Amino acid sequence: MFANPVSAALRAGAICVAVLFFNPAQAKDDDCILDRCADRLPPKTQPAPAPQVQPEAKTEARESGGFRSGAPSSNFDFYVLALSWSPGFCDSVGGARDQCEPGRGHGFVVHGLWPQYEHGFPSDCDGPRSPSRIALERANGVFPDERLALYEWRKHGTCSGKSPSDYFADVSRAWEAVTIPAPFVRPTRDQTFTPIDIERAFYNANPRLRPGMMAVACRRDMLEEVRICLSKDLREFRVCPEVVRHGCRQREISVPAPL
């Protein structure tokens, strides 16, 4: 019988292809599976695309306790007005602040107005990094120095959804909404209190402030700060369980007199 010339040609072509692509070295690597051969793959020439910020990022931030730079602003639940007790705060930072200079006599001063989630907080959101001179003038007389005002804007104010001028105006409104209790207005001697004593003094001086709406922060058995929770519109004090949970747990703390 005569061989089919087409079939013969196809078989010949298959043999040529097999010879052309056969690699004896590769035959030794038949047991290379999955990622065991990764070092032999050609290098990637294009980086993987950066992930896009999605609305779900807010939920992730609440779980992690913070937000990376570029997070969407104004998506928060309430504010915390942080008021530093200058002698205790300056002791913790080593006095490297204008508010810590001897003779200034600072007691409670504004540390910051912080956007908060029920769990966690945003920080370093998108926004202008350097507020205008007109905007910074609104911070005069509210923050103890301009350097702190600028830092607080960049870390917290950018997450408020406000312009720098409006944010500093809100800081002023929040500060004016709180009455400092008499024992902490220009005291002339060092004092000792329990954290609950300090809270009760603030409740008595601010009738709309209730338990569960503020916390006392301490360090080295010394009063460092009080943190008071307010609604986003700054019209009401409000409960903030997570802030309260992180309050001072010392039995007694010292409250040094301002210098």
Protein backbone atom coordinates (compact mmCIF):
# COMPACT_ATOMS: atom_id res chain seq x y z
CA MET A 1 0.00 0.00 0.00
CA PHE A 2 1.11 3.54 -0.62
CA ALA A 3 1.41 5.99 2.34
CA ASN A 4 -0.87 8.97 2.27
CA PRO A 5 1.46 11.84 1.31
CA VAL A 6 -0.46 14.34 3.52
CA SER A 7 -0.26 12.12 6.60
CA ALA A 8 3.43 11.54 6.02
CA ALA A 9 4.07 15.26 5.81
CA LEU A 10 2.19 15.96 9.01
CA ARG A 11 4.15 13.29 10.88
CA ALA A 12 7.40 14.68 9.61
CA GLY A 13 6.43 18.20 10.70
CA ALA A 14 5.53 16.99 14.20
CA ILE A 15 8.91 15.30 14.53
CA CYS A 16 10.69 18.51 13.50
CA VAL A 17 8.75 20.60 16.02
CA ALA A 18 9.51 18.14 18.83
CA VAL A 19 13.24 18.23 18.00
CA LEU A 20 13.23 22.03 17.73
CA PHE A 21 11.70 22.63 21.17
CA PHE A 22 13.22 19.76 23.11
CA ASN A 23 15.63 20.94 25.84
CA PRO A 24 17.60 18.26 27.69
CA ALA A 25 18.21 20.58 30.70
CA GLN A 26 14.50 21.17 31.05
CA ALA A 27 13.83 17.46 31.10
CA LYS A 28 15.68 17.25 34.43
CA ASP A 29 13.24 19.75 35.97
CA ASP A 30 10.03 17.86 35.40
CA ASP A 31 9.54 17.66 39.18
CA CYS A 32 9.48 21.49 39.46
CA ILE A 33 5.93 22.41 40.48
CA LEU A 34 4.02 25.48 41.66
CA ASP A 35 6.26 28.13 43.21
CA ARG A 36 9.37 25.94 43.14
CA CYS A 37 10.07 27.32 39.69
CA ALA A 38 9.35 30.92 40.54
CA ASP A 39 13.00 31.86 40.43
CA ARG A 40 13.12 30.84 36.78
CA LEU A 41 10.24 32.99 35.64
CA PRO A 42 11.10 36.13 33.69
CA PRO A 43 11.06 39.27 35.89
CA LYS A 44 7.94 41.40 35.87
CA THR A 45 8.36 44.55 33.87
CA GLN A 46 5.20 46.33 35.03
CA PRO A 47 4.33 46.95 38.71
CA ALA A 48 0.94 45.87 39.96
CA PRO A 49 -1.61 48.69 39.83
CA ALA A 50 -2.11 50.59 43.09
CA PRO A 51 -5.36 49.78 44.89
CA GLN A 52 -8.06 52.39 44.61
CA VAL A 53 -9.60 53.95 47.71
CA GLN A 54 -13.12 52.61 48.00
CA PRO A 55 -15.99 53.52 50.33
CA GLU A 56 -15.29 50.32 52.25
CA ALA A 57 -12.01 51.90 53.39
CA LYS A 58 -13.91 53.64 56.17
CA THR A 59 -14.85 50.29 57.70
CA GLU A 60 -11.27 49.06 57.48
CA ALA A 61 -10.02 52.23 59.12
CA ARG A 62 -12.43 51.79 62.00
CA GLU A 63 -11.07 48.32 62.60
CA SER A 64 -7.42 49.33 62.39
CA GLY A 65 -7.77 52.50 64.46
CA GLY A 66 -6.49 54.95 61.88
CA PHE A 67 -6.38 56.08 58.28
CA ARG A 68 -3.51 56.46 55.85
CA SER A 69 -2.78 59.66 53.99
CA GLY A 70 -5.28 60.34 51.25
CA ALA A 71 -8.26 59.02 53.17
CA PRO A 72 -11.59 60.65 52.36
CA SER A 73 -12.37 63.54 54.70
CA SER A 74 -15.50 64.39 56.72
CA ASN A 75 -16.49 60.70 57.09
CA PHE A 76 -16.42 60.57 60.88
CA ASP A 77 -18.88 60.30 63.76
CA PHE A 78 -17.98 62.93 66.35
CA TYR A 79 -15.25 65.21 67.68
CA VAL A 80 -12.94 64.97 70.67
CA LEU A 81 -11.77 68.26 72.15
CA ALA A 82 -8.43 67.50 73.78
CA LEU A 83 -7.39 69.97 76.49
CA SER A 84 -3.83 69.57 77.76
CA TRP A 85 -2.92 70.37 81.35
CA SER A 86 0.30 72.19 80.46
CA PRO A 87 2.50 71.23 83.46
CA GLY A 88 1.73 67.51 83.00
CA PHE A 89 1.89 67.66 79.20
CA CYS A 90 5.20 69.52 79.25
CA ASP A 91 6.63 66.97 81.67
CA SER A 92 5.81 64.19 79.19
CA VAL A 93 7.32 65.95 76.14
CA GLY A 94 10.37 67.33 77.91
CA GLY A 95 9.31 70.98 77.70
CA ALA A 96 10.20 71.32 74.01
CA ARG A 97 7.18 73.51 73.22
CA ASP A 98 6.39 77.19 73.37
CA GLN A 99 3.58 76.49 75.83
CA CYS A 100 6.16 75.00 78.20
CA GLU A 101 8.33 78.09 78.57
CA PRO A 102 8.61 79.13 82.24
CA GLY A 103 6.55 82.16 83.15
CA ARG A 104 3.74 81.54 80.69
CA GLY A 105 1.49 80.15 83.39
CA HIS A 106 -0.50 77.89 81.07
CA GLY A 107 -3.00 75.55 82.67
CA PHE A 108 -5.55 73.90 80.37
CA VAL A 109 -4.96 74.76 76.70
CA VAL A 110 -6.32 73.38 73.46
CA HIS A 111 -4.32 70.43 72.23
CA GLY A 112 -6.63 69.67 69.31
CA LEU A 113 -10.08 69.01 67.92
CA TRP A 114 -10.02 65.45 66.61
CA PRO A 115 -12.50 63.77 64.23
CA GLN A 116 -13.33 60.33 65.61
CA TYR A 117 -15.10 57.14 64.61
CA GLU A 118 -16.99 55.08 67.16
CA HIS A 119 -13.95 52.81 66.86
CA GLY A 120 -10.71 54.39 65.72
CA PHE A 121 -10.06 57.70 64.03
CA PRO A 122 -8.95 59.18 60.70
CA SER A 123 -5.71 61.13 60.35
CA ASP A 124 -3.56 62.85 57.72
CA CYS A 125 -6.32 63.11 55.14
CA ASP A 126 -6.20 64.94 51.82
CA GLY A 127 -6.11 68.72 52.07
CA PRO A 128 -3.80 71.74 51.89
CA ARG A 129 -0.71 71.12 54.00
CA SER A 130 0.08 74.78 54.62
CA PRO A 131 -2.90 76.94 55.67
CA SER A 132 -2.87 80.58 54.63
CA ARG A 133 -1.78 83.33 56.98
CA ILE A 134 -5.41 84.48 57.24
CA ALA A 135 -6.46 80.96 58.30
CA LEU A 136 -3.69 80.69 60.90
CA GLU A 137 -4.75 84.00 62.42
CA ARG A 138 -7.96 82.26 63.47
CA ALA A 139 -5.85 79.91 65.57
CA ASN A 140 -4.27 82.77 67.53
CA GLY A 141 -5.43 82.76 71.13
CA VAL A 142 -6.86 79.23 70.78
CA PHE A 143 -3.77 77.05 70.45
CA PRO A 144 -0.80 77.90 72.68
CA ASP A 145 1.43 78.37 69.63
CA GLU A 146 1.24 78.38 65.86
CA ARG A 147 3.43 75.32 65.45
CA LEU A 148 0.90 73.18 67.32
CA ALA A 149 -1.97 74.69 65.31
CA LEU A 150 -0.23 73.76 62.04
CA TYR A 151 0.50 70.23 63.25
CA GLU A 152 -3.08 69.69 64.40
CA TRP A 153 -4.46 70.93 61.08
CA ARG A 154 -2.31 68.51 59.10
CA LYS A 155 -2.99 65.47 61.26
CA HIS A 156 -6.62 66.04 62.28
CA GLY A 157 -8.09 69.12 60.62
CA THR A 158 -7.62 67.72 57.13
CA CYS A 159 -10.09 64.96 58.08
CA SER A 160 -12.82 67.39 59.15
CA GLY A 161 -14.05 68.17 55.63
CA LYS A 162 -13.56 71.87 56.43
CA SER A 163 -11.25 74.53 55.08
CA PRO A 164 -8.40 75.55 57.42
CA SER A 165 -10.23 78.78 58.33
CA ASP A 166 -13.45 76.94 59.14
CA TYR A 167 -11.64 74.23 61.07
CA PHE A 168 -9.84 76.74 63.29
CA ALA A 169 -13.14 78.55 63.80
CA ASP A 170 -14.65 75.24 64.95
CA VAL A 171 -11.75 74.70 67.36
CA SER A 172 -12.52 78.12 68.85
CA ARG A 173 -16.25 77.25 69.15
CA ALA A 174 -15.47 73.98 70.90
CA TRP A 175 -13.07 75.68 73.32
CA GLU A 176 -15.66 78.33 74.17
CA ALA A 177 -18.30 75.64 74.79
CA VAL A 178 -16.36 74.22 77.76
CA THR A 179 -16.11 75.91 81.16
CA ILE A 180 -12.90 75.14 83.05
CA PRO A 181 -13.67 74.22 86.69
CA ALA A 182 -12.50 76.68 89.35
CA PRO A 183 -9.82 74.39 90.92
CA PHE A 184 -7.97 74.45 87.59
CA VAL A 185 -8.12 78.18 86.89
CA ARG A 186 -4.75 79.67 87.88
CA PRO A 187 -4.04 77.39 90.84
CA THR A 188 -1.12 78.57 92.95
CA ARG A 189 -0.13 75.22 94.45
CA ASP A 190 0.23 71.61 93.41
CA GLN A 191 -2.87 69.48 93.94
CA THR A 192 -3.79 65.80 94.01
CA PHE A 193 -7.06 64.36 92.67
CA THR A 194 -8.56 61.08 91.64
CA PRO A 195 -9.55 60.91 87.95
CA ILE A 196 -13.23 60.77 88.92
CA ASP A 197 -12.79 63.93 91.04
CA ILE A 198 -11.54 65.75 87.93
CA GLU A 199 -14.45 64.45 85.88
CA ARG A 200 -16.96 65.52 88.53
CA ALA A 201 -15.46 69.00 88.58
CA PHE A 202 -16.08 69.25 84.83
CA TYR A 203 -19.62 67.88 85.18
CA ASN A 204 -20.42 70.51 87.84
CA ALA A 205 -18.98 73.32 85.71
CA ASN A 206 -20.74 72.10 82.53
CA PRO A 207 -24.32 71.01 83.34
CA ARG A 208 -24.90 69.35 79.94
CA LEU A 209 -21.78 67.23 80.31
CA ARG A 210 -22.57 63.77 81.68
CA PRO A 211 -20.64 60.63 82.69
CA GLY A 212 -19.53 58.74 79.59
CA MET A 213 -18.86 61.93 77.64
CA MET A 214 -15.26 62.62 78.68
CA ALA A 215 -12.07 60.96 79.87
CA VAL A 216 -9.03 61.97 81.89
CA ALA A 217 -5.61 61.09 80.48
CA CYS A 218 -2.59 60.70 82.74
CA ARG A 219 1.06 59.81 82.45
CA ARG A 220 3.64 59.17 85.17
CA ASP A 221 0.88 59.53 87.79
CA MET A 222 0.28 63.09 86.57
CA LEU A 223 -2.66 64.77 84.84
CA GLU A 224 -1.84 65.18 81.17
CA GLU A 225 -5.14 65.91 79.45
CA VAL A 226 -8.93 65.80 79.48
CA ARG A 227 -10.80 64.66 76.37
CA ILE A 228 -14.36 65.84 75.88
CA CYS A 229 -16.63 64.41 73.19
CA LEU A 230 -18.88 66.63 71.07
CA SER A 231 -21.30 66.12 68.20
CA LYS A 232 -20.11 66.92 64.67
CA ASP A 233 -22.04 70.21 64.71
CA LEU A 234 -20.47 71.08 68.11
CA ARG A 235 -23.91 71.79 69.59
CA GLU A 236 -23.96 68.98 72.15
CA PHE A 237 -21.71 66.86 74.28
CA ARG A 238 -22.13 63.18 73.45
CA VAL A 239 -21.22 59.75 74.76
CA CYS A 240 -18.02 58.11 73.49
CA PRO A 241 -17.45 54.66 75.04
CA GLU A 242 -14.11 53.96 73.37
CA VAL A 243 -12.61 57.29 74.49
CA VAL A 244 -13.84 56.70 78.04
CA ARG A 245 -12.47 53.15 78.05
CA HIS A 246 -8.95 54.47 77.42
CA GLY A 247 -9.10 56.94 80.32
CA CYS A 248 -6.70 57.11 83.26
CA ARG A 249 -6.85 54.15 85.66
CA GLN A 250 -4.61 55.52 88.43
CA ARG A 251 -6.10 55.84 91.92
CA GLU A 252 -4.72 59.36 92.38
CA ILE A 253 -2.79 61.71 90.11
CA SER A 254 -0.86 64.89 90.78
CA VAL A 255 -1.88 68.19 89.20
CA PRO A 256 1.15 70.48 89.31
CA ALA A 257 0.54 74.21 89.40
CA PRO A 258 1.39 76.16 86.22
CA LEU A 259 4.80 77.83 86.17
